Amino acid sequence: MKPESIQPHRQNDLFGGQGEVLVYNLLGRRSIAPFEAVLACELAPGGFVGAHVQQSAHEIVVITEGQGVAHVDGEPQNLVSGTVVFLPYGKQLTLKNTSETAPLRYLIVKSHATVGID
């Protein structure tokens, strides 16, 4: 999921959540229009990412490993490997790792909000 040469940025209690999230910036300083960011993330067992609103981009979250639950504007979505969560610009997201023993691993792909959605 991530090249070995990329070092993670460690976040604790992200957006008022709980636990550690490792964030790998897969684009680095490159820009690949229309994508704003591609991030590989790992949420610690039992951790959660607090509520936050997408303020500059549309986003998809692709679960690569683990289990959990996401809420998009309060609507729950179960998370397992292969689940894709679509988060339009201006919507609110929370993520929770429901496993107490295994991390929740996922990719975040952000596309500039000026890109239309169907």
N, C-alpha and C. Protein backbone atom coordinates (compact mmCIF):
# COMPACT_ATOMS: atom_id res chain seq x y z
N MET A 1 0.81 -1.18 0.00
CA MET A 1 0.00 0.00 0.00
C MET A 1 0.86 1.26 0.00
N LYS A 2 2.03 1.23 0.66
CA LYS A 2 2.87 2.42 0.72
C LYS A 2 4.32 2.03 0.47
N PRO A 3 5.05 2.87 -0.27
CA PRO A 3 6.48 2.59 -0.47
C PRO A 3 7.22 2.68 0.86
N GLU A 4 8.21 1.84 1.03
CA GLU A 4 8.98 1.81 2.28
C GLU A 4 9.73 3.11 2.53
N SER A 5 10.04 3.87 1.47
CA SER A 5 10.82 5.09 1.63
C SER A 5 10.00 6.26 2.18
N ILE A 6 8.68 6.16 2.20
CA ILE A 6 7.83 7.24 2.70
C ILE A 6 7.64 7.08 4.20
N GLN A 7 7.96 8.13 4.93
CA GLN A 7 7.81 8.11 6.38
C GLN A 7 6.43 8.65 6.76
N PRO A 8 5.78 8.03 7.74
CA PRO A 8 4.45 8.49 8.11
C PRO A 8 4.49 9.77 8.95
N HIS A 9 3.42 10.51 8.83
CA HIS A 9 3.16 11.62 9.73
C HIS A 9 2.23 11.06 10.81
N ARG A 10 2.63 11.14 12.05
CA ARG A 10 1.84 10.59 13.15
C ARG A 10 0.89 11.64 13.70
N GLN A 11 -0.39 11.27 13.77
CA GLN A 11 -1.42 12.15 14.32
C GLN A 11 -2.04 11.44 15.52
N ASN A 12 -2.25 12.17 16.58
CA ASN A 12 -2.92 11.63 17.75
C ASN A 12 -4.23 12.38 17.97
N ASP A 13 -5.28 11.61 18.26
CA ASP A 13 -6.59 12.19 18.58
C ASP A 13 -7.04 13.17 17.49
N LEU A 14 -6.97 12.71 16.24
CA LEU A 14 -7.25 13.53 15.07
C LEU A 14 -8.69 14.05 15.08
N PHE A 15 -8.85 15.34 14.90
CA PHE A 15 -10.16 16.02 14.88
C PHE A 15 -10.97 15.71 16.14
N GLY A 16 -10.29 15.63 17.27
CA GLY A 16 -10.98 15.35 18.52
C GLY A 16 -11.29 13.89 18.74
N GLY A 17 -10.71 13.03 17.92
CA GLY A 17 -10.91 11.59 18.04
C GLY A 17 -10.05 11.00 19.14
N GLN A 18 -9.72 9.72 18.94
CA GLN A 18 -8.92 9.02 19.94
C GLN A 18 -7.99 8.03 19.25
N GLY A 19 -6.75 7.98 19.70
CA GLY A 19 -5.79 7.03 19.17
C GLY A 19 -4.92 7.63 18.08
N GLU A 20 -3.95 6.84 17.66
CA GLU A 20 -2.98 7.28 16.67
C GLU A 20 -3.42 6.93 15.26
N VAL A 21 -3.14 7.85 14.34
CA VAL A 21 -3.33 7.61 12.91
C VAL A 21 -1.99 7.87 12.24
N LEU A 22 -1.50 6.88 11.50
CA LEU A 22 -0.31 7.08 10.68
C LEU A 22 -0.78 7.51 9.31
N VAL A 23 -0.21 8.60 8.77
CA VAL A 23 -0.62 9.14 7.48
C VAL A 23 0.60 9.20 6.58
N TYR A 24 0.51 8.50 5.44
CA TYR A 24 1.58 8.47 4.44
C TYR A 24 1.11 9.28 3.24
N ASN A 25 1.83 10.34 2.90
CA ASN A 25 1.49 11.18 1.75
C ASN A 25 2.10 10.55 0.50
N LEU A 26 1.28 9.86 -0.28
CA LEU A 26 1.80 9.11 -1.42
C LEU A 26 2.16 9.99 -2.61
N LEU A 27 1.63 11.20 -2.69
CA LEU A 27 2.00 12.12 -3.77
C LEU A 27 3.23 12.94 -3.44
N GLY A 28 3.54 13.05 -2.16
CA GLY A 28 4.65 13.91 -1.77
C GLY A 28 4.34 15.34 -2.17
N ARG A 29 5.29 16.00 -2.76
CA ARG A 29 5.10 17.39 -3.19
C ARG A 29 4.57 17.49 -4.62
N ARG A 30 4.35 16.37 -5.26
CA ARG A 30 3.85 16.38 -6.64
C ARG A 30 2.39 16.80 -6.69
N SER A 31 2.00 17.33 -7.82
CA SER A 31 0.61 17.68 -8.08
C SER A 31 0.16 16.90 -9.30
N ILE A 32 -0.93 16.19 -9.16
CA ILE A 32 -1.46 15.41 -10.27
C ILE A 32 -2.92 15.79 -10.44
N ALA A 33 -3.17 16.80 -11.27
CA ALA A 33 -4.54 17.30 -11.47
C ALA A 33 -5.43 16.17 -11.95
N PRO A 34 -6.65 16.06 -11.47
CA PRO A 34 -7.33 16.97 -10.55
C PRO A 34 -7.19 16.56 -9.08
N PHE A 35 -6.20 15.72 -8.76
CA PHE A 35 -6.10 15.18 -7.40
C PHE A 35 -5.31 16.11 -6.49
N GLU A 36 -5.88 16.34 -5.32
CA GLU A 36 -5.28 17.20 -4.32
C GLU A 36 -4.38 16.41 -3.39
N ALA A 37 -4.75 15.15 -3.11
CA ALA A 37 -3.96 14.33 -2.20
C ALA A 37 -4.30 12.86 -2.38
N VAL A 38 -3.31 12.02 -2.14
CA VAL A 38 -3.49 10.57 -2.04
C VAL A 38 -2.74 10.16 -0.78
N LEU A 39 -3.50 9.66 0.20
CA LEU A 39 -2.94 9.34 1.50
C LEU A 39 -3.22 7.90 1.87
N ALA A 40 -2.23 7.19 2.37
CA ALA A 40 -2.42 5.87 2.95
C ALA A 40 -2.45 6.08 4.46
N CYS A 41 -3.48 5.55 5.12
CA CYS A 41 -3.67 5.80 6.55
C CYS A 41 -3.83 4.49 7.31
N GLU A 42 -3.44 4.54 8.56
CA GLU A 42 -3.58 3.39 9.46
C GLU A 42 -4.07 3.90 10.80
N LEU A 43 -5.31 3.51 11.16
CA LEU A 43 -5.94 3.92 12.41
C LEU A 43 -5.75 2.82 13.44
N ALA A 44 -5.24 3.19 14.59
CA ALA A 44 -4.94 2.22 15.65
C ALA A 44 -6.18 1.46 16.09
N PRO A 45 -5.99 0.23 16.59
CA PRO A 45 -7.11 -0.56 17.10
C PRO A 45 -7.92 0.23 18.13
N GLY A 46 -9.24 0.21 17.97
CA GLY A 46 -10.13 0.89 18.89
C GLY A 46 -10.17 2.40 18.73
N GLY A 47 -9.39 2.94 17.80
CA GLY A 47 -9.31 4.39 17.63
C GLY A 47 -10.44 4.94 16.76
N PHE A 48 -10.58 6.25 16.80
CA PHE A 48 -11.53 6.90 15.90
C PHE A 48 -11.03 8.28 15.50
N VAL A 49 -11.44 8.68 14.31
CA VAL A 49 -11.16 10.00 13.77
C VAL A 49 -12.42 10.82 13.99
N GLY A 50 -12.29 11.94 14.68
CA GLY A 50 -13.43 12.76 15.02
C GLY A 50 -14.06 13.44 13.81
N ALA A 51 -15.23 14.01 14.03
CA ALA A 51 -16.00 14.67 12.98
C ALA A 51 -15.22 15.83 12.37
N HIS A 52 -15.17 15.83 11.04
CA HIS A 52 -14.55 16.92 10.31
C HIS A 52 -15.24 17.08 8.96
N VAL A 53 -15.28 18.31 8.48
CA VAL A 53 -15.97 18.64 7.23
C VAL A 53 -14.94 18.81 6.13
N GLN A 54 -15.23 18.27 4.96
CA GLN A 54 -14.36 18.43 3.81
C GLN A 54 -14.48 19.88 3.33
N GLN A 55 -13.37 20.62 3.40
CA GLN A 55 -13.42 22.04 3.13
C GLN A 55 -12.80 22.46 1.81
N SER A 56 -12.14 21.53 1.11
CA SER A 56 -11.52 21.94 -0.15
C SER A 56 -11.64 20.90 -1.26
N ALA A 57 -12.11 19.71 -0.94
CA ALA A 57 -12.05 18.65 -1.95
C ALA A 57 -13.16 17.62 -1.74
N HIS A 58 -13.50 16.95 -2.85
CA HIS A 58 -14.29 15.72 -2.76
C HIS A 58 -13.31 14.64 -2.31
N GLU A 59 -13.80 13.61 -1.65
CA GLU A 59 -12.90 12.59 -1.12
C GLU A 59 -13.53 11.22 -1.25
N ILE A 60 -12.71 10.22 -1.57
CA ILE A 60 -13.13 8.84 -1.41
C ILE A 60 -12.17 8.19 -0.42
N VAL A 61 -12.73 7.32 0.39
CA VAL A 61 -11.96 6.54 1.36
C VAL A 61 -12.13 5.09 0.96
N VAL A 62 -11.03 4.41 0.67
CA VAL A 62 -11.04 3.01 0.25
C VAL A 62 -10.42 2.18 1.36
N ILE A 63 -11.21 1.29 1.94
CA ILE A 63 -10.71 0.44 3.02
C ILE A 63 -9.89 -0.69 2.40
N THR A 64 -8.65 -0.84 2.88
CA THR A 64 -7.78 -1.88 2.35
C THR A 64 -7.62 -3.05 3.31
N GLU A 65 -7.87 -2.79 4.61
CA GLU A 65 -7.72 -3.86 5.60
C GLU A 65 -8.39 -3.44 6.90
N GLY A 66 -9.04 -4.39 7.55
CA GLY A 66 -9.63 -4.12 8.85
C GLY A 66 -11.14 -3.98 8.80
N GLN A 67 -11.68 -3.47 9.90
CA GLN A 67 -13.13 -3.30 9.99
C GLN A 67 -13.44 -2.07 10.83
N GLY A 68 -14.57 -1.46 10.53
CA GLY A 68 -14.94 -0.28 11.28
C GLY A 68 -16.28 0.25 10.81
N VAL A 69 -16.51 1.51 11.14
CA VAL A 69 -17.74 2.19 10.72
C VAL A 69 -17.39 3.64 10.42
N ALA A 70 -17.99 4.16 9.34
CA ALA A 70 -17.87 5.57 8.99
C ALA A 70 -19.25 6.19 9.12
N HIS A 71 -19.27 7.48 9.39
CA HIS A 71 -20.51 8.24 9.35
C HIS A 71 -20.29 9.43 8.42
N VAL A 72 -21.12 9.52 7.38
CA VAL A 72 -21.09 10.66 6.48
C VAL A 72 -22.36 11.45 6.75
N ASP A 73 -22.19 12.66 7.25
CA ASP A 73 -23.32 13.49 7.69
C ASP A 73 -24.29 12.69 8.56
N GLY A 74 -23.71 11.88 9.46
CA GLY A 74 -24.51 11.13 10.43
C GLY A 74 -25.01 9.79 9.95
N GLU A 75 -24.89 9.49 8.66
CA GLU A 75 -25.36 8.21 8.12
C GLU A 75 -24.26 7.16 8.25
N PRO A 76 -24.51 6.04 8.95
CA PRO A 76 -23.47 5.03 9.15
C PRO A 76 -23.22 4.17 7.91
N GLN A 77 -21.99 3.75 7.76
CA GLN A 77 -21.59 2.81 6.71
C GLN A 77 -20.56 1.86 7.30
N ASN A 78 -20.87 0.55 7.27
CA ASN A 78 -19.92 -0.44 7.76
C ASN A 78 -18.71 -0.50 6.85
N LEU A 79 -17.55 -0.72 7.45
CA LEU A 79 -16.29 -0.73 6.71
C LEU A 79 -15.63 -2.10 6.80
N VAL A 80 -15.32 -2.66 5.66
CA VAL A 80 -14.50 -3.88 5.52
C VAL A 80 -13.61 -3.67 4.31
N SER A 81 -12.66 -4.54 4.12
CA SER A 81 -11.75 -4.43 2.97
C SER A 81 -12.56 -4.33 1.67
N GLY A 82 -12.24 -3.32 0.87
CA GLY A 82 -12.92 -3.11 -0.40
C GLY A 82 -14.05 -2.08 -0.35
N THR A 83 -14.47 -1.68 0.84
CA THR A 83 -15.51 -0.67 0.97
C THR A 83 -14.99 0.68 0.46
N VAL A 84 -15.83 1.40 -0.29
CA VAL A 84 -15.51 2.75 -0.74
C VAL A 84 -16.54 3.70 -0.15
N VAL A 85 -16.06 4.71 0.54
CA VAL A 85 -16.91 5.75 1.13
C VAL A 85 -16.71 7.02 0.31
N PHE A 86 -17.81 7.55 -0.24
CA PHE A 86 -17.73 8.80 -0.99
C PHE A 86 -18.11 9.95 -0.08
N LEU A 87 -17.27 10.95 -0.04
CA LEU A 87 -17.48 12.10 0.81
C LEU A 87 -17.39 13.38 -0.02
N PRO A 88 -18.54 13.91 -0.45
CA PRO A 88 -18.51 15.14 -1.24
C PRO A 88 -18.03 16.34 -0.44
N TYR A 89 -17.52 17.31 -1.15
CA TYR A 89 -17.12 18.59 -0.56
C TYR A 89 -18.26 19.12 0.31
N GLY A 90 -17.92 19.58 1.51
CA GLY A 90 -18.91 20.15 2.41
C GLY A 90 -19.59 19.17 3.34
N LYS A 91 -19.36 17.87 3.18
CA LYS A 91 -19.97 16.86 4.04
C LYS A 91 -19.04 16.52 5.21
N GLN A 92 -19.64 15.96 6.25
CA GLN A 92 -18.90 15.64 7.48
C GLN A 92 -18.62 14.14 7.57
N LEU A 93 -17.42 13.79 8.04
CA LEU A 93 -16.99 12.40 8.15
C LEU A 93 -16.46 12.10 9.54
N THR A 94 -16.78 10.89 10.05
CA THR A 94 -16.09 10.29 11.19
C THR A 94 -15.73 8.87 10.80
N LEU A 95 -14.66 8.34 11.37
CA LEU A 95 -14.23 6.96 11.14
C LEU A 95 -13.93 6.31 12.48
N LYS A 96 -14.32 5.05 12.63
CA LYS A 96 -14.01 4.31 13.86
C LYS A 96 -13.50 2.93 13.49
N ASN A 97 -12.41 2.54 14.13
CA ASN A 97 -11.88 1.18 14.01
C ASN A 97 -12.58 0.36 15.09
N THR A 98 -13.40 -0.60 14.68
CA THR A 98 -14.16 -1.40 15.65
C THR A 98 -13.39 -2.59 16.17
N SER A 99 -12.19 -2.84 15.64
CA SER A 99 -11.35 -3.92 16.15
C SER A 99 -10.51 -3.40 17.31
N GLU A 100 -10.37 -4.21 18.33
CA GLU A 100 -9.51 -3.87 19.46
C GLU A 100 -8.10 -4.42 19.29
N THR A 101 -7.86 -5.18 18.19
CA THR A 101 -6.55 -5.82 18.02
C THR A 101 -5.86 -5.50 16.70
N ALA A 102 -6.59 -5.08 15.68
CA ALA A 102 -5.99 -4.87 14.36
C ALA A 102 -6.22 -3.44 13.88
N PRO A 103 -5.26 -2.88 13.15
CA PRO A 103 -5.45 -1.53 12.63
C PRO A 103 -6.49 -1.51 11.50
N LEU A 104 -7.06 -0.35 11.26
CA LEU A 104 -7.92 -0.10 10.10
C LEU A 104 -7.05 0.64 9.10
N ARG A 105 -6.83 0.03 7.94
CA ARG A 105 -5.99 0.64 6.91
C ARG A 105 -6.87 1.09 5.75
N TYR A 106 -6.56 2.29 5.24
CA TYR A 106 -7.38 2.84 4.16
C TYR A 106 -6.60 3.86 3.35
N LEU A 107 -7.08 4.08 2.13
CA LEU A 107 -6.55 5.11 1.25
C LEU A 107 -7.54 6.26 1.19
N ILE A 108 -7.04 7.47 1.17
CA ILE A 108 -7.86 8.65 0.94
C ILE A 108 -7.40 9.28 -0.36
N VAL A 109 -8.34 9.50 -1.27
CA VAL A 109 -8.05 10.18 -2.53
C VAL A 109 -8.92 11.42 -2.57
N LYS A 110 -8.26 12.59 -2.67
CA LYS A 110 -8.98 13.86 -2.69
C LYS A 110 -8.88 14.47 -4.08
N SER A 111 -10.03 14.94 -4.57
CA SER A 111 -10.11 15.59 -5.88
C SER A 111 -10.62 17.02 -5.68
N HIS A 112 -10.03 17.96 -6.37
CA HIS A 112 -10.43 19.36 -6.23
C HIS A 112 -11.94 19.51 -6.32
N ALA A 113 -12.51 20.34 -5.47
CA ALA A 113 -13.96 20.53 -5.40
C ALA A 113 -14.52 21.13 -6.68
N THR A 114 -13.69 21.69 -7.54
CA THR A 114 -14.19 22.25 -8.79
C THR A 114 -14.51 21.16 -9.80
N VAL A 115 -14.07 19.94 -9.52
CA VAL A 115 -14.39 18.80 -10.40
C VAL A 115 -15.83 18.39 -10.14
N GLY A 116 -16.63 18.29 -11.18
CA GLY A 116 -18.04 17.93 -11.03
C GLY A 116 -18.23 16.50 -10.58
N ILE A 117 -19.36 16.24 -9.92
CA ILE A 117 -19.72 14.88 -9.52
C ILE A 117 -21.11 14.60 -10.05
N ASP A 118 -21.36 13.34 -10.35
CA ASP A 118 -22.69 12.92 -10.84
C ASP A 118 -23.50 12.33 -9.73
